[in-house]
PDB file of N, CA and C in Angstrom:
ATOM      1  N   MET A   1     133.561  -3.103 119.511  1.00  0.00           N
ATOM      2  CA  MET A   1     132.429  -3.176 118.613  1.00  0.00           C
ATOM      3  C   MET A   1     132.564  -2.179 117.466  1.00  0.00           C
ATOM      4  N   ASN A   2     133.279  -1.105 117.643  1.00  0.00           N
ATOM      5  CA  ASN A   2     133.397  -0.090 116.597  1.00  0.00           C
ATOM      6  C   ASN A   2     134.233  -0.559 115.414  1.00  0.00           C
ATOM      7  N   VAL A   3     134.989  -1.629 115.574  1.00  0.00           N
ATOM      8  CA  VAL A   3     135.811  -2.139 114.482  1.00  0.00           C
ATOM      9  C   VAL A   3     134.938  -2.555 113.308  1.00  0.00           C
ATOM     10  N   GLY A   4     133.758  -3.059 113.572  1.00  0.00           N
ATOM     11  CA  GLY A   4     132.846  -3.503 112.525  1.00  0.00           C
ATOM     12  C   GLY A   4     132.446  -2.402 111.570  1.00  0.00           C
ATOM     13  N   TYR A   5     132.425  -1.182 112.025  1.00  0.00           N
ATOM     14  CA  TYR A   5     132.024  -0.070 111.161  1.00  0.00           C
ATOM     15  C   TYR A   5     133.035   0.170 110.046  1.00  0.00           C
ATOM     16  N   LYS A   6     134.278  -0.246 110.235  1.00  0.00           N
ATOM     17  CA  LYS A   6     135.316  -0.041 109.234  1.00  0.00           C
ATOM     18  C   LYS A   6     135.272  -1.093 108.127  1.00  0.00           C
ATOM     19  N   CYS A   7     134.567  -2.184 108.351  1.00  0.00           N
ATOM     20  CA  CYS A   7     134.472  -3.267 107.365  1.00  0.00           C
ATOM     21  C   CYS A   7     133.423  -2.926 106.312  1.00  0.00           C
ATOM     22  N   SER A   8     133.643  -3.465 105.112  1.00  0.00           N
ATOM     23  CA  SER A   8     132.669  -3.214 104.051  1.00  0.00           C
ATOM     24  C   SER A   8     131.430  -4.081 104.252  1.00  0.00           C
ATOM     25  N   SER A   9     130.322  -3.664 103.678  1.00  0.00           N
ATOM     26  CA  SER A   9     129.057  -4.394 103.780  1.00  0.00           C
ATOM     27  C   SER A   9     129.055  -5.560 102.814  1.00  0.00           C
ATOM     28  N   PRO A  10     128.360  -6.618 103.057  1.00  0.00           N
ATOM     29  CA  PRO A  10     127.669  -6.938 104.310  1.00  0.00           C
ATOM     30  C   PRO A  10     128.660  -7.441 105.353  1.00  0.00           C
ATOM     31  N   ARG A  11     128.393  -7.164 106.599  1.00  0.00           N
ATOM     32  CA  ARG A  11     129.274  -7.557 107.693  1.00  0.00           C
ATOM     33  C   ARG A  11     128.666  -8.729 108.450  1.00  0.00           C
ATOM     34  N   VAL A  12     129.534  -9.613 108.907  1.00  0.00           N
ATOM     35  CA  VAL A  12     129.103 -10.767 109.687  1.00  0.00           C
ATOM     36  C   VAL A  12     129.905 -10.783 110.976  1.00  0.00           C
ATOM     37  N   LEU A  13     129.221 -10.975 112.075  1.00  0.00           N
ATOM     38  CA  LEU A  13     129.877 -11.039 113.377  1.00  0.00           C
ATOM     39  C   LEU A  13     129.551 -12.382 114.008  1.00  0.00           C
ATOM     40  N   LYS A  14     130.578 -13.181 114.251  1.00  0.00           N
ATOM     41  CA  LYS A  14     130.401 -14.460 114.935  1.00  0.00           C
ATOM     42  C   LYS A  14     130.904 -14.273 116.359  1.00  0.00           C
ATOM     43  N   THR A  15     130.082 -14.641 117.320  1.00  0.00           N
ATOM     44  CA  THR A  15     130.456 -14.436 118.710  1.00  0.00           C
ATOM     45  C   THR A  15     129.839 -15.506 119.597  1.00  0.00           C
ATOM     46  N   HIS A  16     130.375 -15.650 120.773  1.00  0.00           N
ATOM     47  CA  HIS A  16     129.818 -16.567 121.771  1.00  0.00           C
ATOM     48  C   HIS A  16     129.084 -15.793 122.865  1.00  0.00           C
ATOM     49  N   CYS A  17     128.934 -14.504 122.674  1.00  0.00           N
ATOM     50  CA  CYS A  17     128.252 -13.669 123.668  1.00  0.00           C
ATOM     51  C   CYS A  17     126.742 -13.894 123.611  1.00  0.00           C
ATOM     52  N   ASP A  18     126.079 -13.542 124.682  1.00  0.00           N
ATOM     53  CA  ASP A  18     124.625 -13.651 124.735  1.00  0.00           C
ATOM     54  C   ASP A  18     123.981 -12.578 123.866  1.00  0.00           C
ATOM     55  N   PHE A  19     122.857 -12.927 123.279  1.00  0.00           N
ATOM     56  CA  PHE A  19     122.132 -11.998 122.415  1.00  0.00           C
ATOM     57  C   PHE A  19     121.743 -10.730 123.173  1.00  0.00           C
ATOM     58  N   GLU A  20     121.424 -10.885 124.447  1.00  0.00           N
ATOM     59  CA  GLU A  20     120.985  -9.747 125.260  1.00  0.00           C
ATOM     60  C   GLU A  20     122.087  -8.706 125.463  1.00  0.00           C
ATOM     61  N   ASP A  21     123.340  -9.069 125.194  1.00  0.00           N
ATOM     62  CA  ASP A  21     124.460  -8.157 125.410  1.00  0.00           C
ATOM     63  C   ASP A  21     124.643  -7.146 124.276  1.00  0.00           C
ATOM     64  N   TYR A  22     123.855  -7.264 123.219  1.00  0.00           N
ATOM     65  CA  TYR A  22     124.006  -6.376 122.077  1.00  0.00           C
ATOM     66  C   TYR A  22     122.828  -5.420 121.969  1.00  0.00           C
ATOM     67  N   PRO A  23     123.111  -4.188 121.545  1.00  0.00           N
ATOM     68  CA  PRO A  23     122.012  -3.229 121.400  1.00  0.00           C
ATOM     69  C   PRO A  23     121.096  -3.624 120.238  1.00  0.00           C
ATOM     70  N   ILE A  24     119.837  -3.322 120.374  1.00  0.00           N
ATOM     71  CA  ILE A  24     118.867  -3.610 119.317  1.00  0.00           C
ATOM     72  C   ILE A  24     118.906  -2.479 118.300  1.00  0.00           C
ATOM     73  N   ASP A  25     119.061  -2.840 117.042  1.00  0.00           N
ATOM     74  CA  ASP A  25     119.093  -1.864 115.958  1.00  0.00           C
ATOM     75  C   ASP A  25     118.141  -2.363 114.877  1.00  0.00           C
ATOM     76  N   ASN A  26     117.115  -1.596 114.579  1.00  0.00           N
ATOM     77  CA  ASN A  26     116.102  -2.012 113.607  1.00  0.00           C
ATOM     78  C   ASN A  26     116.642  -2.125 112.186  1.00  0.00           C
ATOM     79  N   LYS A  27     117.815  -1.537 111.917  1.00  0.00           N
ATOM     80  CA  LYS A  27     118.402  -1.614 110.587  1.00  0.00           C
ATOM     81  C   LYS A  27     119.208  -2.900 110.387  1.00  0.00           C
ATOM     82  N   CYS A  28     119.470  -3.612 111.460  1.00  0.00           N
ATOM     83  CA  CYS A  28     120.282  -4.834 111.395  1.00  0.00           C
ATOM     84  C   CYS A  28     119.409  -6.078 111.319  1.00  0.00           C
ATOM     85  N   LYS A  29     119.984  -7.122 110.761  1.00  0.00           N
ATOM     86  CA  LYS A  29     119.335  -8.432 110.758  1.00  0.00           C
ATOM     87  C   LYS A  29     120.171  -9.348 111.640  1.00  0.00           C
ATOM     88  N   TYR A  30     119.495 -10.107 112.483  1.00  0.00           N
ATOM     89  CA  TYR A  30     120.175 -10.980 113.424  1.00  0.00           C
ATOM     90  C   TYR A  30     119.812 -12.432 113.147  1.00  0.00           C
ATOM     91  N   ILE A  31     120.798 -13.291 113.231  1.00  0.00           N
ATOM     92  CA  ILE A  31     120.567 -14.735 113.214  1.00  0.00           C
ATOM     93  C   ILE A  31     121.127 -15.249 114.528  1.00  0.00           C
ATOM     94  N   TYR A  32     120.265 -15.804 115.349  1.00  0.00           N
ATOM     95  CA  TYR A  32     120.648 -16.266 116.681  1.00  0.00           C
ATOM     96  C   TYR A  32     120.529 -17.781 116.708  1.00  0.00           C
ATOM     97  N   ILE A  33     121.652 -18.456 116.912  1.00  0.00           N
ATOM     98  CA  ILE A  33     121.670 -19.916 116.888  1.00  0.00           C
ATOM     99  C   ILE A  33     121.995 -20.430 118.282  1.00  0.00           C
ATOM    100  N   VAL A  34     121.195 -21.384 118.729  1.00  0.00           N
ATOM    101  CA  VAL A  34     121.392 -21.985 120.046  1.00  0.00           C
ATOM    102  C   VAL A  34     121.490 -23.490 119.856  1.00  0.00           C
ATOM    103  N   ARG A  35     122.458 -24.098 120.527  1.00  0.00           N
ATOM    104  CA  ARG A  35     122.617 -25.549 120.442  1.00  0.00           C
ATOM    105  C   ARG A  35     121.748 -26.261 121.461  1.00  0.00           C
ATOM    106  N   ASN A  36     121.370 -27.463 121.108  1.00  0.00           N
ATOM    107  CA  ASN A  36     120.700 -28.349 122.040  1.00  0.00           C
ATOM    108  C   ASN A  36     121.714 -28.740 123.119  1.00  0.00           C
ATOM    109  N   ASN A  37     121.320 -28.715 124.384  1.00  0.00           N
ATOM    110  CA  ASN A  37     122.236 -29.032 125.478  1.00  0.00           C
ATOM    111  C   ASN A  37     122.808 -30.436 125.366  1.00  0.00           C
ATOM    112  N   LYS A  38     122.032 -31.370 124.840  1.00  0.00           N
ATOM    113  CA  LYS A  38     122.521 -32.742 124.676  1.00  0.00           C
ATOM    114  C   LYS A  38     123.678 -32.777 123.680  1.00  0.00           C
ATOM    115  N   HIS A  39     123.543 -32.024 122.613  1.00  0.00           N
ATOM    116  CA  HIS A  39     124.604 -31.953 121.610  1.00  0.00           C
ATOM    117  C   HIS A  39     125.822 -31.249 122.185  1.00  0.00           C
ATOM    118  N   PHE A  40     125.603 -30.181 122.904  1.00  0.00           N
ATOM    119  CA  PHE A  40     126.700 -29.399 123.472  1.00  0.00           C
ATOM    120  C   PHE A  40     127.561 -30.235 124.412  1.00  0.00           C
ATOM    121  N   ILE A  41     126.939 -31.014 125.302  1.00  0.00           N
ATOM    122  CA  ILE A  41     127.707 -31.750 126.305  1.00  0.00           C
ATOM    123  C   ILE A  41     128.597 -32.804 125.649  1.00  0.00           C
ATOM    124  N   VAL A  42     128.139 -33.419 124.567  1.00  0.00           N
ATOM    125  CA  VAL A  42     128.956 -34.409 123.854  1.00  0.00           C
ATOM    126  C   VAL A  42     130.137 -33.727 123.171  1.00  0.00           C
ATOM    127  N   ILE A  43     129.891 -32.602 122.524  1.00  0.00           N
ATOM    128  CA  ILE A  43     130.958 -31.847 121.861  1.00  0.00           C
ATOM    129  C   ILE A  43     131.985 -31.369 122.881  1.00  0.00           C
ATOM    130  N   TYR A  44     131.509 -30.853 124.004  1.00  0.00           N
ATOM    131  CA  TYR A  44     132.412 -30.345 125.041  1.00  0.00           C
ATOM    132  C   TYR A  44     133.237 -31.480 125.645  1.00  0.00           C
ATOM    133  N   TYR A  45     132.624 -32.637 125.862  1.00  0.00           N
ATOM    134  CA  TYR A  45     133.338 -33.807 126.378  1.00  0.00           C
ATOM    135  C   TYR A  45     134.483 -34.189 125.435  1.00  0.00           C
ATOM    136  N   ASN A  46     134.210 -34.266 124.150  1.00  0.00           N
ATOM    137  CA  ASN A  46     135.256 -34.605 123.182  1.00  0.00           C
ATOM    138  C   ASN A  46     136.341 -33.542 123.130  1.00  0.00           C
ATOM    139  N   HIS A  47     135.967 -32.299 123.271  1.00  0.00           N
ATOM    140  CA  HIS A  47     136.923 -31.195 123.296  1.00  0.00           C
ATOM    141  C   HIS A  47     137.874 -31.339 124.485  1.00  0.00           C
ATOM    142  N   ILE A  48     137.321 -31.590 125.661  1.00  0.00           N
ATOM    143  CA  ILE A  48     138.124 -31.735 126.876  1.00  0.00           C
ATOM    144  C   ILE A  48     139.033 -32.960 126.778  1.00  0.00           C
ATOM    145  N   LYS A  49     138.507 -34.059 126.260  1.00  0.00           N
ATOM    146  CA  LYS A  49     139.294 -35.295 126.140  1.00  0.00           C
ATOM    147  C   LYS A  49     140.488 -35.131 125.210  1.00  0.00           C
ATOM    148  N   ASN A  50     140.345 -34.339 124.170  1.00  0.00           N
ATOM    149  CA  ASN A  50     141.392 -34.203 123.160  1.00  0.00           C
ATOM    150  C   ASN A  50     142.458 -33.171 123.497  1.00  0.00           C
ATOM    151  N   LEU A  51     142.274 -32.416 124.552  1.00  0.00           N
ATOM    152  CA  LEU A  51     143.274 -31.424 124.949  1.00  0.00           C
ATOM    153  C   LEU A  51     143.993 -31.904 126.204  1.00  0.00           C
ATOM    154  N   SER A  52     145.287 -32.173 126.077  1.00  0.00           N
ATOM    155  CA  SER A  52     146.053 -32.699 127.211  1.00  0.00           C
ATOM    156  C   SER A  52     146.108 -31.716 128.376  1.00  0.00           C
ATOM    157  N   PHE A  53     145.885 -30.449 128.099  1.00  0.00           N
ATOM    158  CA  PHE A  53     145.890 -29.419 129.137  1.00  0.00           C
ATOM    159  C   PHE A  53     144.929 -29.760 130.276  1.00  0.00           C
ATOM    160  N   TYR A  54     143.778 -30.346 129.952  1.00  0.00           N
ATOM    161  CA  TYR A  54     142.748 -30.649 130.950  1.00  0.00           C
ATOM    162  C   TYR A  54     143.006 -31.946 131.708  1.00  0.00           C
ATOM    163  N   GLN A  55     143.920 -32.772 131.222  1.00  0.00           N
ATOM    164  CA  GLN A  55     144.282 -34.046 131.859  1.00  0.00           C
ATOM    165  C   GLN A  55     143.050 -34.916 132.120  1.00  0.00           C
ATOM    166  N   TYR A  56     142.205 -35.049 131.117  1.00  0.00           N
ATOM    167  CA  TYR A  56     140.995 -35.866 131.230  1.00  0.00           C
ATOM    168  C   TYR A  56     140.945 -36.906 130.111  1.00  0.00           C
ATOM    169  N   ASN A  57     142.117 -37.383 129.683  1.00  0.00           N
ATOM    170  CA  ASN A  57     142.203 -38.294 128.542  1.00  0.00           C
ATOM    171  C   ASN A  57     141.468 -39.605 128.780  1.00  0.00           C
ATOM    172  N   ASP A  58     141.522 -40.146 130.001  1.00  0.00           N
ATOM    173  CA  ASP A  58     140.932 -41.453 130.289  1.00  0.00           C
ATOM    174  C   ASP A  58     139.592 -41.350 131.007  1.00  0.00           C
ATOM    175  N   GLY A  59     139.070 -40.147 131.159  1.00  0.00           N
ATOM    176  CA  GLY A  59     137.811 -39.973 131.880  1.00  0.00           C
ATOM    177  C   GLY A  59     136.616 -40.452 131.081  1.00  0.00           C
ATOM    178  N   SER A  60     135.634 -40.987 131.774  1.00  0.00           N
ATOM    179  CA  SER A  60     134.427 -41.475 131.103  1.00  0.00           C
ATOM    180  C   SER A  60     133.426 -40.338 130.906  1.00  0.00           C
ATOM    181  N   PHE A  61     132.513 -40.542 129.972  1.00  0.00           N
ATOM    182  CA  PHE A  61     131.472 -39.546 129.732  1.00  0.00           C
ATOM    183  C   PHE A  61     130.556 -39.415 130.945  1.00  0.00           C
ATOM    184  N   ASP A  62     130.240 -40.538 131.599  1.00  0.00           N
ATOM    185  CA  ASP A  62     129.363 -40.505 132.780  1.00  0.00           C
ATOM    186  C   ASP A  62     129.964 -39.651 133.892  1.00  0.00           C
ATOM    187  N   ASP A  63     131.264 -39.810 134.140  1.00  0.00           N
ATOM    188  CA  ASP A  63     131.928 -38.995 135.161  1.00  0.00           C
ATOM    189  C   ASP A  63     131.952 -37.528 134.755  1.00  0.00           C
ATOM    190  N   PHE A  64     132.227 -37.279 133.491  1.00  0.00           N
ATOM    191  CA  PHE A  64     132.252 -35.910 132.983  1.00  0.00           C
ATOM    192  C   PHE A  64     130.889 -35.246 133.158  1.00  0.00           C
ATOM    193  N   PHE A  65     129.840 -35.985 132.838  1.00  0.00           N
ATOM    194  CA  PHE A  65     128.484 -35.464 132.968  1.00  0.00           C
ATOM    195  C   PHE A  65     128.191 -35.064 134.415  1.00  0.00           C
ATOM    196  N   LEU A  66     128.609 -35.889 135.362  1.00  0.00           N
ATOM    197  CA  LEU A  66     128.381 -35.584 136.782  1.00  0.00           C
ATOM    198  C   LEU A  66     129.181 -34.366 137.232  1.00  0.00           C
ATOM    199  N   ILE A  67     130.375 -34.203 136.691  1.00  0.00           N
ATOM    200  CA  ILE A  67     131.203 -33.039 137.043  1.00  0.00           C
ATOM    201  C   ILE A  67     130.561 -31.753 136.526  1.00  0.00           C
ATOM    202  N   ILE A  68     130.092 -31.781 135.293  1.00  0.00           N
ATOM    203  CA  ILE A  68     129.519 -30.586 134.667  1.00  0.00           C
ATOM    204  C   ILE A  68     128.182 -30.217 135.286  1.00  0.00           C
ATOM    205  N   PHE A  69     127.349 -31.216 135.542  1.00  0.00           N
ATOM    206  CA  PHE A  69     126.021 -30.943 136.082  1.00  0.00           C
ATOM    207  C   PHE A  69     125.977 -31.380 137.504  1.00  0.00           C
TER     208      PHE A  69
END
């Protein structure tokens, strides 16, 4: 986290961490974006399908949904 102090202002930090994991500082401005779960599951399904590493090229969305939830 200290690396950010070396950057010039204004600084932007993009992360996938939870908001609760960061200290509250009244001098900072925060923008917290959360995705709709319905949107997330479709994006994640397409991500998994397109990466051969996961070996889920022919899997259906219905099966994927049951695996995840």
